[in-house]
N, C-alpha and C. Protein backbone atom coordinates (compact mmCIF):
# COMPACT_ATOMS: atom_id res chain seq x y z
N MET A 1 0.87 -1.19 0.01
CA MET A 1 0.08 -0.03 -0.02
C MET A 1 0.89 1.24 -0.03
N VAL A 2 0.54 2.16 -0.88
CA VAL A 2 1.22 3.42 -0.82
C VAL A 2 0.56 4.53 -0.20
N ALA A 3 1.25 5.16 0.75
CA ALA A 3 0.70 6.22 1.51
C ALA A 3 0.77 7.50 0.61
N ILE A 4 -0.39 8.27 0.77
CA ILE A 4 -0.36 9.62 0.00
C ILE A 4 -0.17 10.56 1.14
N LYS A 5 0.78 11.43 0.77
CA LYS A 5 1.05 12.49 1.61
C LYS A 5 0.04 13.71 1.48
N PRO A 6 -0.22 14.35 2.49
CA PRO A 6 -1.30 15.38 2.40
C PRO A 6 -1.03 16.51 1.36
N THR A 7 0.34 16.82 1.12
CA THR A 7 0.62 17.73 0.11
C THR A 7 0.30 17.28 -1.32
N GLN A 8 0.17 15.99 -1.55
CA GLN A 8 -0.03 15.44 -2.87
C GLN A 8 -1.53 15.59 -3.19
N LEU A 9 -2.35 15.86 -2.23
CA LEU A 9 -3.83 16.05 -2.45
C LEU A 9 -4.19 17.40 -3.10
N GLY A 10 -3.41 18.31 -2.92
CA GLY A 10 -3.81 19.64 -3.29
C GLY A 10 -4.33 20.46 -2.13
N LYS A 11 -5.15 21.42 -2.28
CA LYS A 11 -5.76 22.22 -1.26
C LYS A 11 -6.94 21.53 -0.62
N THR A 12 -6.99 21.49 0.70
CA THR A 12 -8.02 20.77 1.43
C THR A 12 -8.93 21.72 2.16
N PHE A 13 -10.26 21.33 2.25
CA PHE A 13 -11.22 22.21 2.94
C PHE A 13 -12.01 21.36 3.90
N ILE A 14 -12.55 21.96 4.93
CA ILE A 14 -13.54 21.33 5.85
C ILE A 14 -14.58 22.25 6.17
N ARG A 15 -15.98 21.73 6.01
CA ARG A 15 -17.15 22.37 6.39
C ARG A 15 -17.87 21.58 7.33
N VAL A 16 -17.92 22.00 8.57
CA VAL A 16 -18.68 21.41 9.63
C VAL A 16 -20.19 21.49 9.25
N THR A 17 -20.85 20.17 9.39
CA THR A 17 -22.24 20.20 9.00
C THR A 17 -23.16 19.79 10.17
N GLY A 18 -22.65 19.31 11.25
CA GLY A 18 -23.39 19.01 12.37
C GLY A 18 -22.61 18.34 13.49
N ARG A 19 -23.30 17.89 14.63
CA ARG A 19 -22.75 17.30 15.62
C ARG A 19 -23.68 16.17 16.07
N GLN A 20 -23.11 15.05 16.48
CA GLN A 20 -23.92 13.89 17.03
C GLN A 20 -23.46 13.62 18.51
N LEU A 21 -24.46 13.34 19.36
CA LEU A 21 -24.18 13.06 20.77
C LEU A 21 -23.40 13.85 21.46
N ASP A 22 -23.13 15.07 21.12
CA ASP A 22 -22.18 16.04 21.75
C ASP A 22 -20.76 15.53 21.80
N ARG A 23 -20.32 14.63 20.97
CA ARG A 23 -19.02 14.20 20.91
C ARG A 23 -18.45 13.88 19.57
N PHE A 24 -19.34 13.72 18.60
CA PHE A 24 -18.90 13.46 17.21
C PHE A 24 -19.16 14.68 16.43
N ILE A 25 -18.29 14.94 15.47
CA ILE A 25 -18.42 16.07 14.54
C ILE A 25 -18.68 15.54 13.11
N GLU A 26 -19.75 16.11 12.49
CA GLU A 26 -20.01 15.62 11.11
C GLU A 26 -19.32 16.77 10.28
N PHE A 27 -18.88 16.38 9.14
CA PHE A 27 -18.17 17.41 8.26
C PHE A 27 -17.97 16.94 6.78
N ASP A 28 -17.96 17.86 5.99
CA ASP A 28 -17.51 17.66 4.53
C ASP A 28 -16.04 17.77 4.47
N PHE A 29 -15.26 16.97 3.85
CA PHE A 29 -13.86 16.94 3.58
C PHE A 29 -13.84 17.27 1.93
N ILE A 30 -13.35 18.28 1.57
CA ILE A 30 -13.33 18.88 0.27
C ILE A 30 -11.93 18.89 -0.34
N LEU A 31 -11.60 18.21 -1.40
CA LEU A 31 -10.29 18.31 -2.11
C LEU A 31 -10.43 19.26 -3.37
N ASN A 32 -9.58 20.33 -3.34
CA ASN A 32 -9.36 21.38 -4.27
C ASN A 32 -10.70 22.09 -4.56
N ASP A 33 -11.87 21.51 -4.94
CA ASP A 33 -13.05 22.22 -5.13
C ASP A 33 -14.17 21.27 -4.64
N GLU A 34 -15.45 21.78 -4.63
CA GLU A 34 -16.52 20.93 -4.05
C GLU A 34 -16.92 19.85 -5.04
N SER A 35 -16.29 19.65 -6.17
CA SER A 35 -16.68 18.52 -7.00
C SER A 35 -16.24 17.23 -6.44
N LEU A 36 -15.29 17.20 -5.58
CA LEU A 36 -14.81 15.96 -4.77
C LEU A 36 -14.95 16.30 -3.24
N THR A 37 -16.05 15.79 -2.83
CA THR A 37 -16.37 16.00 -1.36
C THR A 37 -16.83 14.63 -0.75
N VAL A 38 -16.20 14.43 0.46
CA VAL A 38 -16.59 13.23 1.26
C VAL A 38 -17.13 13.69 2.59
N GLU A 39 -18.36 13.04 3.01
CA GLU A 39 -18.93 13.12 4.27
C GLU A 39 -18.28 12.33 5.27
N LEU A 40 -17.79 12.92 6.28
CA LEU A 40 -17.20 12.19 7.45
C LEU A 40 -17.72 12.37 8.75
N VAL A 41 -17.68 11.51 9.75
CA VAL A 41 -17.92 11.83 11.18
C VAL A 41 -16.78 11.23 11.98
N LEU A 42 -16.19 12.12 12.91
CA LEU A 42 -15.13 11.78 13.77
C LEU A 42 -15.37 12.28 15.21
N PRO A 43 -14.84 11.55 16.15
CA PRO A 43 -14.82 12.18 17.54
C PRO A 43 -14.16 13.53 17.48
N GLU A 44 -14.31 14.44 18.42
CA GLU A 44 -13.80 15.72 18.41
C GLU A 44 -12.27 15.68 18.47
N HIS A 45 -11.56 14.92 19.13
CA HIS A 45 -10.10 14.89 19.18
C HIS A 45 -9.51 14.49 17.87
N ALA A 46 -10.20 13.43 17.24
CA ALA A 46 -9.78 12.87 16.02
C ALA A 46 -9.93 13.99 14.90
N PHE A 47 -11.03 14.64 15.02
CA PHE A 47 -11.28 15.83 14.10
C PHE A 47 -10.25 16.89 13.98
N ALA A 48 -9.83 17.25 15.26
CA ALA A 48 -8.74 18.22 15.42
C ALA A 48 -7.51 17.70 14.75
N GLU A 49 -7.16 16.45 14.95
CA GLU A 49 -5.91 15.86 14.33
C GLU A 49 -6.03 15.77 12.80
N PHE A 50 -7.20 15.37 12.43
CA PHE A 50 -7.47 15.23 10.97
C PHE A 50 -7.26 16.56 10.36
N CYS A 51 -7.83 17.69 10.80
CA CYS A 51 -7.70 18.93 10.18
C CYS A 51 -6.19 19.45 10.28
N GLU A 52 -5.61 19.13 11.35
CA GLU A 52 -4.06 19.51 11.41
C GLU A 52 -3.41 18.72 10.42
N TYR A 53 -3.62 17.42 10.31
CA TYR A 53 -2.71 16.54 9.28
C TYR A 53 -2.93 17.00 7.92
N TYR A 54 -4.18 17.27 7.52
CA TYR A 54 -4.48 17.68 6.09
C TYR A 54 -4.21 19.26 5.87
N ASP A 55 -3.87 20.05 6.94
CA ASP A 55 -3.64 21.37 6.86
C ASP A 55 -4.91 21.97 6.08
N ALA A 56 -6.13 21.60 6.61
CA ALA A 56 -7.36 22.04 6.01
C ALA A 56 -7.84 23.38 6.28
N GLU A 57 -8.26 24.06 5.40
CA GLU A 57 -8.98 25.36 5.68
C GLU A 57 -10.31 25.19 6.11
N ILE A 58 -10.82 25.71 7.24
CA ILE A 58 -12.12 25.53 7.69
C ILE A 58 -13.07 26.59 7.08
N LEU A 59 -14.04 26.09 6.43
CA LEU A 59 -14.97 26.93 5.56
C LEU A 59 -16.15 27.40 6.59
N PRO A 60 -16.81 28.44 6.38
CA PRO A 60 -18.09 28.69 7.15
C PRO A 60 -19.12 27.77 6.64
N PRO A 61 -20.21 27.68 7.48
CA PRO A 61 -21.33 26.79 7.17
C PRO A 61 -21.86 27.30 5.76
N ALA A 62 -22.45 26.32 5.09
CA ALA A 62 -23.07 26.58 3.74
C ALA A 62 -24.15 27.53 3.87
N GLY A 63 -24.13 28.60 3.22
CA GLY A 63 -25.21 29.56 3.33
C GLY A 63 -26.09 29.78 2.15
N ASP A 64 -26.04 28.66 1.25
CA ASP A 64 -26.74 28.75 0.07
C ASP A 64 -28.16 28.38 -0.08
N GLY A 65 -28.72 28.38 1.17
CA GLY A 65 -30.15 27.94 1.29
C GLY A 65 -30.30 26.48 1.36
N ALA A 66 -29.16 25.85 1.49
CA ALA A 66 -29.32 24.25 1.58
C ALA A 66 -30.13 23.92 2.84
N GLU A 67 -30.85 22.84 2.76
CA GLU A 67 -31.65 22.46 3.94
C GLU A 67 -30.80 21.92 5.01
N VAL A 68 -31.00 22.38 6.11
CA VAL A 68 -30.34 21.78 7.46
C VAL A 68 -31.12 20.90 8.04
N ILE A 69 -30.73 19.60 8.29
CA ILE A 69 -31.56 18.52 8.91
C ILE A 69 -31.23 18.63 10.39
N PRO A 70 -32.26 18.88 11.18
CA PRO A 70 -32.09 19.00 12.70
C PRO A 70 -31.45 17.61 13.19
N LEU A 71 -30.67 17.89 14.25
CA LEU A 71 -29.86 16.73 14.76
C LEU A 71 -30.97 15.65 15.23
N LYS A 72 -31.96 15.94 15.80
CA LYS A 72 -32.96 14.92 16.23
C LYS A 72 -33.47 14.12 15.08
N ASP A 73 -33.44 14.56 13.83
CA ASP A 73 -33.85 13.85 12.74
C ASP A 73 -32.81 13.15 11.92
N ARG A 74 -31.54 13.30 12.52
CA ARG A 74 -30.41 12.48 11.89
C ARG A 74 -30.07 11.17 12.65
N SER A 75 -29.53 10.30 11.80
CA SER A 75 -29.06 9.03 12.52
C SER A 75 -27.55 8.92 12.00
N ALA A 76 -26.75 8.88 12.90
CA ALA A 76 -25.20 8.77 12.55
C ALA A 76 -24.99 7.44 11.92
N GLY A 77 -24.20 7.56 10.71
CA GLY A 77 -23.82 6.43 10.03
C GLY A 77 -24.84 5.87 9.11
N LEU A 78 -26.01 6.44 9.03
CA LEU A 78 -27.08 5.93 8.06
C LEU A 78 -27.20 6.97 6.89
N TYR A 79 -27.33 6.32 5.70
CA TYR A 79 -27.49 7.00 4.44
C TYR A 79 -28.77 7.77 4.52
N ARG A 80 -28.74 9.06 4.15
CA ARG A 80 -29.89 9.96 4.00
C ARG A 80 -30.30 10.16 2.50
N ALA A 81 -31.21 9.46 2.16
CA ALA A 81 -31.69 9.54 0.70
C ALA A 81 -31.99 11.10 0.30
N PRO A 82 -31.68 11.50 -0.85
CA PRO A 82 -31.91 12.84 -1.34
C PRO A 82 -33.57 13.06 -1.43
N ASP A 83 -33.97 14.16 -1.31
CA ASP A 83 -35.44 14.46 -1.35
C ASP A 83 -36.15 13.93 -2.51
N ASN A 84 -35.41 13.88 -3.62
CA ASN A 84 -35.94 13.48 -4.90
C ASN A 84 -35.99 12.01 -5.12
N ALA A 85 -35.61 11.17 -4.14
CA ALA A 85 -35.50 9.83 -4.30
C ALA A 85 -36.98 9.29 -4.21
N THR A 86 -37.21 8.28 -5.10
CA THR A 86 -38.48 7.65 -5.21
C THR A 86 -38.48 6.16 -4.52
N ASP A 87 -39.59 5.87 -4.09
CA ASP A 87 -39.73 4.41 -3.49
C ASP A 87 -40.20 3.44 -4.63
N ASP A 88 -39.58 2.56 -4.86
CA ASP A 88 -39.84 1.56 -5.93
C ASP A 88 -40.19 0.14 -5.42
């Protein structure tokens, strides 16, 4: 397995999207631009280490009118289907 150095990824960004159980941080990890985004959940201490390791720039919360799902309606680790999903 070949390890990828953070500097090989390009510029990295993080946008916090929520919290779970007052100890986990939900966030988007973005490489170079928002066309490559990964949703992740980490405990607070691991989140801080992750940000430092990748030298990520912290972005402000999305203000583009995106729907914010209240924490009580979220389930950590479960896929949330898009609103336009249909039941077949």
